[in-house]
Amino acid sequence: MGERLGWSHPEPMSIEEFIEEGETLRSLLNRLVGRISHFQEAVFNPQTQSLSSEVAIVINEHIQNLVQGLETKLQDGDRLLFLPILAGG
């Protein structure tokens, strides 16, 4: 498994996580911070409990506006994709 997330590494990173019934996006992100090197810098800051403004989250192939924010409930079988928001000039 690579040390960085997919956009910083030549190959995308794929992991599977067990989702408990009623688990929220917040709890999953906090768990991933502890397991994946550089996740905190790239995606989620556990101190401020905020997502990076440079990342979009896709859940089940749909970009989510996350009406419930970090309290969005996840279900077993959900697929999350963290995509960098790229800007160029």
PDB file of N, CA and C in Angstrom:
ATOM      1  N   MET A   1       0.854  -1.172   0.000  1.00  0.00           N
ATOM      2  CA  MET A   1       0.000   0.000   0.000  1.00  0.00           C
ATOM      3  C   MET A   1       0.899   1.234   0.000  1.00  0.00           C
ATOM      4  N   GLY A   2       0.580   2.221  -0.814  1.00  0.00           N
ATOM      5  CA  GLY A   2       1.388   3.429  -0.931  1.00  0.00           C
ATOM      6  C   GLY A   2       1.303   4.309   0.295  1.00  0.00           C
ATOM      7  N   GLU A   3       2.234   5.222   0.392  1.00  0.00           N
ATOM      8  CA  GLU A   3       2.269   6.133   1.522  1.00  0.00           C
ATOM      9  C   GLU A   3       1.359   7.338   1.334  1.00  0.00           C
ATOM     10  N   ARG A   4       1.042   7.682   0.106  1.00  0.00           N
ATOM     11  CA  ARG A   4       0.221   8.856  -0.147  1.00  0.00           C
ATOM     12  C   ARG A   4      -1.068   8.445  -0.839  1.00  0.00           C
ATOM     13  N   LEU A   5      -1.998   9.365  -0.903  1.00  0.00           N
ATOM     14  CA  LEU A   5      -3.247   9.109  -1.593  1.00  0.00           C
ATOM     15  C   LEU A   5      -3.012   9.057  -3.093  1.00  0.00           C
ATOM     16  N   GLY A   6      -4.003   8.595  -3.832  1.00  0.00           N
ATOM     17  CA  GLY A   6      -3.887   8.340  -5.246  1.00  0.00           C
ATOM     18  C   GLY A   6      -3.295   9.462  -6.076  1.00  0.00           C
ATOM     19  N   TRP A   7      -3.652  10.717  -5.839  1.00  0.00           N
ATOM     20  CA  TRP A   7      -3.171  11.782  -6.706  1.00  0.00           C
ATOM     21  C   TRP A   7      -1.713  12.135  -6.452  1.00  0.00           C
ATOM     22  N   SER A   8      -1.132  11.690  -5.374  1.00  0.00           N
ATOM     23  CA  SER A   8       0.277  11.950  -5.099  1.00  0.00           C
ATOM     24  C   SER A   8       1.135  10.728  -5.405  1.00  0.00           C
ATOM     25  N   HIS A   9       0.500   9.672  -5.780  1.00  0.00           N
ATOM     26  CA  HIS A   9       1.165   8.399  -6.003  1.00  0.00           C
ATOM     27  C   HIS A   9       0.862   7.962  -7.435  1.00  0.00           C
ATOM     28  N   PRO A  10       1.765   7.282  -8.102  1.00  0.00           N
ATOM     29  CA  PRO A  10       1.516   6.882  -9.491  1.00  0.00           C
ATOM     30  C   PRO A  10       0.250   6.051  -9.682  1.00  0.00           C
ATOM     31  N   GLU A  11      -0.110   5.263  -8.702  1.00  0.00           N
ATOM     32  CA  GLU A  11      -1.297   4.411  -8.801  1.00  0.00           C
ATOM     33  C   GLU A  11      -2.324   4.848  -7.758  1.00  0.00           C
ATOM     34  N   PRO A  12      -3.617   4.783  -8.100  1.00  0.00           N
ATOM     35  CA  PRO A  12      -4.643   5.104  -7.098  1.00  0.00           C
ATOM     36  C   PRO A  12      -4.574   4.130  -5.926  1.00  0.00           C
ATOM     37  N   MET A  13      -4.946   4.615  -4.777  1.00  0.00           N
ATOM     38  CA  MET A  13      -4.967   3.786  -3.581  1.00  0.00           C
ATOM     39  C   MET A  13      -6.396   3.314  -3.351  1.00  0.00           C
ATOM     40  N   SER A  14      -6.556   2.056  -3.093  1.00  0.00           N
ATOM     41  CA  SER A  14      -7.870   1.501  -2.824  1.00  0.00           C
ATOM     42  C   SER A  14      -7.810   0.763  -1.496  1.00  0.00           C
ATOM     43  N   ILE A  15      -8.734   1.097  -0.602  1.00  0.00           N
ATOM     44  CA  ILE A  15      -8.807   0.399   0.674  1.00  0.00           C
ATOM     45  C   ILE A  15     -10.261   0.034   0.941  1.00  0.00           C
ATOM     46  N   GLU A  16     -10.454  -0.976   1.747  1.00  0.00           N
ATOM     47  CA  GLU A  16     -11.792  -1.343   2.185  1.00  0.00           C
ATOM     48  C   GLU A  16     -11.877  -1.124   3.678  1.00  0.00           C
ATOM     49  N   GLU A  17     -12.981  -0.548   4.101  1.00  0.00           N
ATOM     50  CA  GLU A  17     -13.222  -0.281   5.511  1.00  0.00           C
ATOM     51  C   GLU A  17     -14.586  -0.837   5.886  1.00  0.00           C
ATOM     52  N   PHE A  18     -14.679  -1.427   7.047  1.00  0.00           N
ATOM     53  CA  PHE A  18     -15.957  -1.885   7.566  1.00  0.00           C
ATOM     54  C   PHE A  18     -16.748  -0.664   8.025  1.00  0.00           C
ATOM     55  N   ILE A  19     -17.997  -0.572   7.611  1.00  0.00           N
ATOM     56  CA  ILE A  19     -18.876   0.530   8.009  1.00  0.00           C
ATOM     57  C   ILE A  19     -19.937  -0.027   8.948  1.00  0.00           C
ATOM     58  N   GLU A  20     -19.980   0.524  10.150  1.00  0.00           N
ATOM     59  CA  GLU A  20     -21.009   0.098  11.093  1.00  0.00           C
ATOM     60  C   GLU A  20     -22.307   0.813  10.771  1.00  0.00           C
ATOM     61  N   GLU A  21     -23.426   0.175  11.095  1.00  0.00           N
ATOM     62  CA  GLU A  21     -24.723   0.781  10.835  1.00  0.00           C
ATOM     63  C   GLU A  21     -24.799   2.155  11.504  1.00  0.00           C
ATOM     64  N   GLY A  22     -25.193   3.153  10.735  1.00  0.00           N
ATOM     65  CA  GLY A  22     -25.330   4.508  11.263  1.00  0.00           C
ATOM     66  C   GLY A  22     -24.040   5.295  11.329  1.00  0.00           C
ATOM     67  N   GLU A  23     -22.936   4.733  10.856  1.00  0.00           N
ATOM     68  CA  GLU A  23     -21.663   5.449  10.907  1.00  0.00           C
ATOM     69  C   GLU A  23     -21.724   6.682  10.018  1.00  0.00           C
ATOM     70  N   THR A  24     -21.053   7.731  10.453  1.00  0.00           N
ATOM     71  CA  THR A  24     -21.054   8.977   9.695  1.00  0.00           C
ATOM     72  C   THR A  24     -19.749   9.146   8.926  1.00  0.00           C
ATOM     73  N   LEU A  25     -19.801  10.045   7.962  1.00  0.00           N
ATOM     74  CA  LEU A  25     -18.605  10.398   7.206  1.00  0.00           C
ATOM     75  C   LEU A  25     -17.518  10.897   8.147  1.00  0.00           C
ATOM     76  N   ARG A  26     -17.896  11.678   9.164  1.00  0.00           N
ATOM     77  CA  ARG A  26     -16.927  12.207  10.137  1.00  0.00           C
ATOM     78  C   ARG A  26     -16.159  11.079  10.831  1.00  0.00           C
ATOM     79  N   SER A  27     -16.869  10.069  11.299  1.00  0.00           N
ATOM     80  CA  SER A  27     -16.183   9.000  12.035  1.00  0.00           C
ATOM     81  C   SER A  27     -15.251   8.216  11.115  1.00  0.00           C
ATOM     82  N   LEU A  28     -15.671   7.998   9.858  1.00  0.00           N
ATOM     83  CA  LEU A  28     -14.802   7.312   8.908  1.00  0.00           C
ATOM     84  C   LEU A  28     -13.545   8.140   8.632  1.00  0.00           C
ATOM     85  N   LEU A  29     -13.704   9.434   8.395  1.00  0.00           N
ATOM     86  CA  LEU A  29     -12.543  10.293   8.118  1.00  0.00           C
ATOM     87  C   LEU A  29     -11.573  10.315   9.292  1.00  0.00           C
ATOM     88  N   ASN A  30     -12.093  10.395  10.510  1.00  0.00           N
ATOM     89  CA  ASN A  30     -11.222  10.370  11.688  1.00  0.00           C
ATOM     90  C   ASN A  30     -10.456   9.057  11.776  1.00  0.00           C
ATOM     91  N   ARG A  31     -11.098   7.968  11.433  1.00  0.00           N
ATOM     92  CA  ARG A  31     -10.433   6.670  11.453  1.00  0.00           C
ATOM     93  C   ARG A  31      -9.343   6.602  10.385  1.00  0.00           C
ATOM     94  N   LEU A  32      -9.617   7.127   9.190  1.00  0.00           N
ATOM     95  CA  LEU A  32      -8.639   7.093   8.105  1.00  0.00           C
ATOM     96  C   LEU A  32      -7.413   7.952   8.404  1.00  0.00           C
ATOM     97  N   VAL A  33      -7.593   9.042   9.137  1.00  0.00           N
ATOM     98  CA  VAL A  33      -6.459   9.883   9.521  1.00  0.00           C
ATOM     99  C   VAL A  33      -5.448   9.058  10.300  1.00  0.00           C
ATOM    100  N   GLY A  34      -5.925   8.170  11.141  1.00  0.00           N
ATOM    101  CA  GLY A  34      -5.032   7.343  11.938  1.00  0.00           C
ATOM    102  C   GLY A  34      -4.390   6.202  11.174  1.00  0.00           C
ATOM    103  N   ARG A  35      -4.943   5.861  10.019  1.00  0.00           N
ATOM    104  CA  ARG A  35      -4.454   4.700   9.273  1.00  0.00           C
ATOM    105  C   ARG A  35      -3.639   5.040   8.033  1.00  0.00           C
ATOM    106  N   ILE A  36      -3.886   6.208   7.418  1.00  0.00           N
ATOM    107  CA  ILE A  36      -3.257   6.522   6.139  1.00  0.00           C
ATOM    108  C   ILE A  36      -2.337   7.730   6.297  1.00  0.00           C
ATOM    109  N   SER A  37      -1.086   7.499   6.003  1.00  0.00           N
ATOM    110  CA  SER A  37      -0.102   8.567   6.073  1.00  0.00           C
ATOM    111  C   SER A  37      -0.502   9.705   5.132  1.00  0.00           C
ATOM    112  N   HIS A  38      -0.389  10.918   5.571  1.00  0.00           N
ATOM    113  CA  HIS A  38      -0.652  12.144   4.799  1.00  0.00           C
ATOM    114  C   HIS A  38      -2.133  12.408   4.540  1.00  0.00           C
ATOM    115  N   PHE A  39      -3.036  11.568   5.043  1.00  0.00           N
ATOM    116  CA  PHE A  39      -4.468  11.797   4.843  1.00  0.00           C
ATOM    117  C   PHE A  39      -4.875  13.129   5.465  1.00  0.00           C
ATOM    118  N   GLN A  40      -4.304  13.425   6.622  1.00  0.00           N
ATOM    119  CA  GLN A  40      -4.623  14.668   7.316  1.00  0.00           C
ATOM    120  C   GLN A  40      -4.255  15.887   6.473  1.00  0.00           C
ATOM    121  N   GLU A  41      -3.083  15.868   5.855  1.00  0.00           N
ATOM    122  CA  GLU A  41      -2.664  17.011   5.057  1.00  0.00           C
ATOM    123  C   GLU A  41      -3.467  17.139   3.772  1.00  0.00           C
ATOM    124  N   ALA A  42      -3.882  16.011   3.205  1.00  0.00           N
ATOM    125  CA  ALA A  42      -4.518  16.023   1.891  1.00  0.00           C
ATOM    126  C   ALA A  42      -6.041  16.126   1.924  1.00  0.00           C
ATOM    127  N   VAL A  43      -6.685  15.555   2.949  1.00  0.00           N
ATOM    128  CA  VAL A  43      -8.139  15.419   2.892  1.00  0.00           C
ATOM    129  C   VAL A  43      -8.873  15.999   4.093  1.00  0.00           C
ATOM    130  N   PHE A  44      -8.473  15.638   5.304  1.00  0.00           N
ATOM    131  CA  PHE A  44      -9.282  15.931   6.488  1.00  0.00           C
ATOM    132  C   PHE A  44      -8.405  16.305   7.665  1.00  0.00           C
ATOM    133  N   ASN A  45      -8.725  17.428   8.300  1.00  0.00           N
ATOM    134  CA  ASN A  45      -7.984  17.882   9.472  1.00  0.00           C
ATOM    135  C   ASN A  45      -8.761  17.493  10.727  1.00  0.00           C
ATOM    136  N   PRO A  46      -8.248  16.547  11.518  1.00  0.00           N
ATOM    137  CA  PRO A  46      -8.993  16.102  12.692  1.00  0.00           C
ATOM    138  C   PRO A  46      -9.057  17.143  13.809  1.00  0.00           C
ATOM    139  N   GLN A  47      -8.087  18.058  13.857  1.00  0.00           N
ATOM    140  CA  GLN A  47      -8.128  19.096  14.891  1.00  0.00           C
ATOM    141  C   GLN A  47      -9.282  20.074  14.664  1.00  0.00           C
ATOM    142  N   THR A  48      -9.483  20.478  13.421  1.00  0.00           N
ATOM    143  CA  THR A  48     -10.564  21.419  13.113  1.00  0.00           C
ATOM    144  C   THR A  48     -11.824  20.710  12.639  1.00  0.00           C
ATOM    145  N   GLN A  49     -11.731  19.376  12.442  1.00  0.00           N
ATOM    146  CA  GLN A  49     -12.847  18.571  11.944  1.00  0.00           C
ATOM    147  C   GLN A  49     -13.390  19.153  10.640  1.00  0.00           C
ATOM    148  N   SER A  50     -12.466  19.440   9.709  1.00  0.00           N
ATOM    149  CA  SER A  50     -12.873  20.032   8.437  1.00  0.00           C
ATOM    150  C   SER A  50     -12.194  19.338   7.264  1.00  0.00           C
ATOM    151  N   LEU A  51     -12.920  19.321   6.144  1.00  0.00           N
ATOM    152  CA  LEU A  51     -12.399  18.781   4.902  1.00  0.00           C
ATOM    153  C   LEU A  51     -11.511  19.814   4.232  1.00  0.00           C
ATOM    154  N   SER A  52     -10.541  19.350   3.493  1.00  0.00           N
ATOM    155  CA  SER A  52      -9.715  20.231   2.691  1.00  0.00           C
ATOM    156  C   SER A  52     -10.580  20.866   1.608  1.00  0.00           C
ATOM    157  N   SER A  53     -10.340  22.126   1.321  1.00  0.00           N
ATOM    158  CA  SER A  53     -11.071  22.801   0.247  1.00  0.00           C
ATOM    159  C   SER A  53     -10.558  22.361  -1.121  1.00  0.00           C
ATOM    160  N   GLU A  54      -9.501  21.550  -1.137  1.00  0.00           N
ATOM    161  CA  GLU A  54      -8.903  21.098  -2.389  1.00  0.00           C
ATOM    162  C   GLU A  54      -9.310  19.677  -2.760  1.00  0.00           C
ATOM    163  N   VAL A  55     -10.347  19.154  -2.085  1.00  0.00           N
ATOM    164  CA  VAL A  55     -10.790  17.772  -2.321  1.00  0.00           C
ATOM    165  C   VAL A  55     -12.306  17.739  -2.486  1.00  0.00           C
ATOM    166  N   ALA A  56     -12.775  16.989  -3.478  1.00  0.00           N
ATOM    167  CA  ALA A  56     -14.201  16.709  -3.640  1.00  0.00           C
ATOM    168  C   ALA A  56     -14.428  15.252  -3.257  1.00  0.00           C
ATOM    169  N   ILE A  57     -15.557  14.987  -2.634  1.00  0.00           N
ATOM    170  CA  ILE A  57     -15.899  13.619  -2.257  1.00  0.00           C
ATOM    171  C   ILE A  57     -16.988  13.111  -3.184  1.00  0.00           C
ATOM    172  N   VAL A  58     -16.754  11.940  -3.740  1.00  0.00           N
ATOM    173  CA  VAL A  58     -17.739  11.270  -4.589  1.00  0.00           C
ATOM    174  C   VAL A  58     -18.196  10.037  -3.816  1.00  0.00           C
ATOM    175  N   ILE A  59     -19.505   9.924  -3.626  1.00  0.00           N
ATOM    176  CA  ILE A  59     -20.065   8.765  -2.935  1.00  0.00           C
ATOM    177  C   ILE A  59     -20.943   8.021  -3.934  1.00  0.00           C
ATOM    178  N   ASN A  60     -20.609   6.762  -4.150  1.00  0.00           N
ATOM    179  CA  ASN A  60     -21.372   5.915  -5.071  1.00  0.00           C
ATOM    180  C   ASN A  60     -21.526   6.561  -6.448  1.00  0.00           C
ATOM    181  N   GLU A  61     -20.416   7.081  -6.961  1.00  0.00           N
ATOM    182  CA  GLU A  61     -20.324   7.657  -8.305  1.00  0.00           C
ATOM    183  C   GLU A  61     -21.099   8.951  -8.481  1.00  0.00           C
ATOM    184  N   HIS A  62     -21.481   9.615  -7.391  1.00  0.00           N
ATOM    185  CA  HIS A  62     -22.170  10.897  -7.459  1.00  0.00           C
ATOM    186  C   HIS A  62     -21.425  11.897  -6.579  1.00  0.00           C
ATOM    187  N   ILE A  63     -21.155  13.068  -7.152  1.00  0.00           N
ATOM    188  CA  ILE A  63     -20.549  14.111  -6.325  1.00  0.00           C
ATOM    189  C   ILE A  63     -21.628  14.565  -5.353  1.00  0.00           C
ATOM    190  N   GLN A  64     -21.292  14.496  -4.098  1.00  0.00           N
ATOM    191  CA  GLN A  64     -22.260  14.812  -3.058  1.00  0.00           C
ATOM    192  C   GLN A  64     -22.137  16.268  -2.626  1.00  0.00           C
ATOM    193  N   ASN A  65     -23.282  16.914  -2.406  1.00  0.00           N
ATOM    194  CA  ASN A  65     -23.212  18.240  -1.813  1.00  0.00           C
ATOM    195  C   ASN A  65     -23.215  18.128  -0.290  1.00  0.00           C
ATOM    196  N   LEU A  66     -23.333  16.909   0.200  1.00  0.00           N
ATOM    197  CA  LEU A  66     -23.249  16.610   1.628  1.00  0.00           C
ATOM    198  C   LEU A  66     -24.128  17.554   2.448  1.00  0.00           C
ATOM    199  N   VAL A  67     -25.428  17.509   2.156  1.00  0.00           N
ATOM    200  CA  VAL A  67     -26.388  18.353   2.858  1.00  0.00           C
ATOM    201  C   VAL A  67     -26.225  18.200   4.366  1.00  0.00           C
ATOM    202  N   GLN A  68     -25.939  16.994   4.818  1.00  0.00           N
ATOM    203  CA  GLN A  68     -25.746  16.756   6.249  1.00  0.00           C
ATOM    204  C   GLN A  68     -24.280  16.914   6.641  1.00  0.00           C
ATOM    205  N   GLY A  69     -23.470  17.372   5.721  1.00  0.00           N
ATOM    206  CA  GLY A  69     -22.059  17.601   6.006  1.00  0.00           C
ATOM    207  C   GLY A  69     -21.360  16.349   6.483  1.00  0.00           C
ATOM    208  N   LEU A  70     -20.536  16.503   7.484  1.00  0.00           N
ATOM    209  CA  LEU A  70     -19.778  15.376   8.015  1.00  0.00           C
ATOM    210  C   LEU A  70     -20.661  14.381   8.763  1.00  0.00           C
ATOM    211  N   GLU A  71     -21.895  14.762   9.023  1.00  0.00           N
ATOM    212  CA  GLU A  71     -22.829  13.849   9.696  1.00  0.00           C
ATOM    213  C   GLU A  71     -23.593  12.983   8.687  1.00  0.00           C
ATOM    214  N   THR A  72     -23.222  13.043   7.412  1.00  0.00           N
ATOM    215  CA  THR A  72     -23.818  12.195   6.384  1.00  0.00           C
ATOM    216  C   THR A  72     -23.653  10.737   6.786  1.00  0.00           C
ATOM    217  N   LYS A  73     -24.750  10.013   6.811  1.00  0.00           N
ATOM    218  CA  LYS A  73     -24.721   8.591   7.180  1.00  0.00           C
ATOM    219  C   LYS A  73     -24.200   7.758   6.020  1.00  0.00           C
ATOM    220  N   LEU A  74     -23.350   6.810   6.340  1.00  0.00           N
ATOM    221  CA  LEU A  74     -22.813   5.886   5.351  1.00  0.00           C
ATOM    222  C   LEU A  74     -23.484   4.530   5.528  1.00  0.00           C
ATOM    223  N   GLN A  75     -23.476   3.755   4.460  1.00  0.00           N
ATOM    224  CA  GLN A  75     -24.070   2.423   4.505  1.00  0.00           C
ATOM    225  C   GLN A  75     -23.049   1.408   4.019  1.00  0.00           C
ATOM    226  N   ASP A  76     -23.214   0.177   4.468  1.00  0.00           N
ATOM    227  CA  ASP A  76     -22.376  -0.906   3.997  1.00  0.00           C
ATOM    228  C   ASP A  76     -22.466  -0.961   2.474  1.00  0.00           C
ATOM    229  N   GLY A  77     -21.351  -1.033   1.811  1.00  0.00           N
ATOM    230  CA  GLY A  77     -21.327  -1.092   0.356  1.00  0.00           C
ATOM    231  C   GLY A  77     -21.105   0.253  -0.309  1.00  0.00           C
ATOM    232  N   ASP A  78     -21.185   1.361   0.450  1.00  0.00           N
ATOM    233  CA  ASP A  78     -20.906   2.673  -0.135  1.00  0.00           C
ATOM    234  C   ASP A  78     -19.471   2.706  -0.638  1.00  0.00           C
ATOM    235  N   ARG A  79     -19.262   3.395  -1.754  1.00  0.00           N
ATOM    236  CA  ARG A  79     -17.927   3.573  -2.321  1.00  0.00           C
ATOM    237  C   ARG A  79     -17.622   5.061  -2.309  1.00  0.00           C
ATOM    238  N   LEU A  80     -16.534   5.430  -1.647  1.00  0.00           N
ATOM    239  CA  LEU A  80     -16.117   6.819  -1.573  1.00  0.00           C
ATOM    240  C   LEU A  80     -14.860   7.023  -2.391  1.00  0.00           C
ATOM    241  N   LEU A  81     -14.820   8.142  -3.082  1.00  0.00           N
ATOM    242  CA  LEU A  81     -13.668   8.518  -3.881  1.00  0.00           C
ATOM    243  C   LEU A  81     -13.307   9.947  -3.503  1.00  0.00           C
ATOM    244  N   PHE A  82     -12.049  10.168  -3.188  1.00  0.00           N
ATOM    245  CA  PHE A  82     -11.558  11.499  -2.857  1.00  0.00           C
ATOM    246  C   PHE A  82     -10.793  12.019  -4.064  1.00  0.00           C
ATOM    247  N   LEU A  83     -11.300  13.090  -4.665  1.00  0.00           N
ATOM    248  CA  LEU A  83     -10.695  13.640  -5.868  1.00  0.00           C
ATOM    249  C   LEU A  83     -10.087  15.013  -5.592  1.00  0.00           C
ATOM    250  N   PRO A  84      -8.872  15.242  -6.066  1.00  0.00           N
ATOM    251  CA  PRO A  84      -8.285  16.560  -5.904  1.00  0.00           C
ATOM    252  C   PRO A  84      -8.979  17.553  -6.829  1.00  0.00           C
ATOM    253  N   ILE A  85      -9.166  18.770  -6.352  1.00  0.00           N
ATOM    254  CA  ILE A  85      -9.676  19.835  -7.190  1.00  0.00           C
ATOM    255  C   ILE A  85      -8.461  20.536  -7.767  1.00  0.00           C
ATOM    256  N   LEU A  86      -8.306  20.412  -9.061  1.00  0.00           N
ATOM    257  CA  LEU A  86      -7.128  20.934  -9.731  1.00  0.00           C
ATOM    258  C   LEU A  86      -7.431  22.276 -10.393  1.00  0.00           C
ATOM    259  N   ALA A  87      -6.481  23.170 -10.297  1.00  0.00           N
ATOM    260  CA  ALA A  87      -6.586  24.454 -10.979  1.00  0.00           C
ATOM    261  C   ALA A  87      -5.302  24.665 -11.757  1.00  0.00           C
ATOM    262  N   GLY A  88      -5.428  25.268 -12.862  1.00  0.00           N
ATOM    263  CA  GLY A  88      -4.244  25.492 -13.674  1.00  0.00           C
ATOM    264  C   GLY A  88      -4.249  26.886 -14.257  1.00  0.00           C
ATOM    265  N   GLY A  89      -3.175  27.199 -14.869  1.00  0.00           N
ATOM    266  CA  GLY A  89      -3.116  28.539 -15.431  1.00  0.00           C
ATOM    267  C   GLY A  89      -2.296  28.578 -16.686  1.00  0.00           C
TER     268      GLY A  89
END
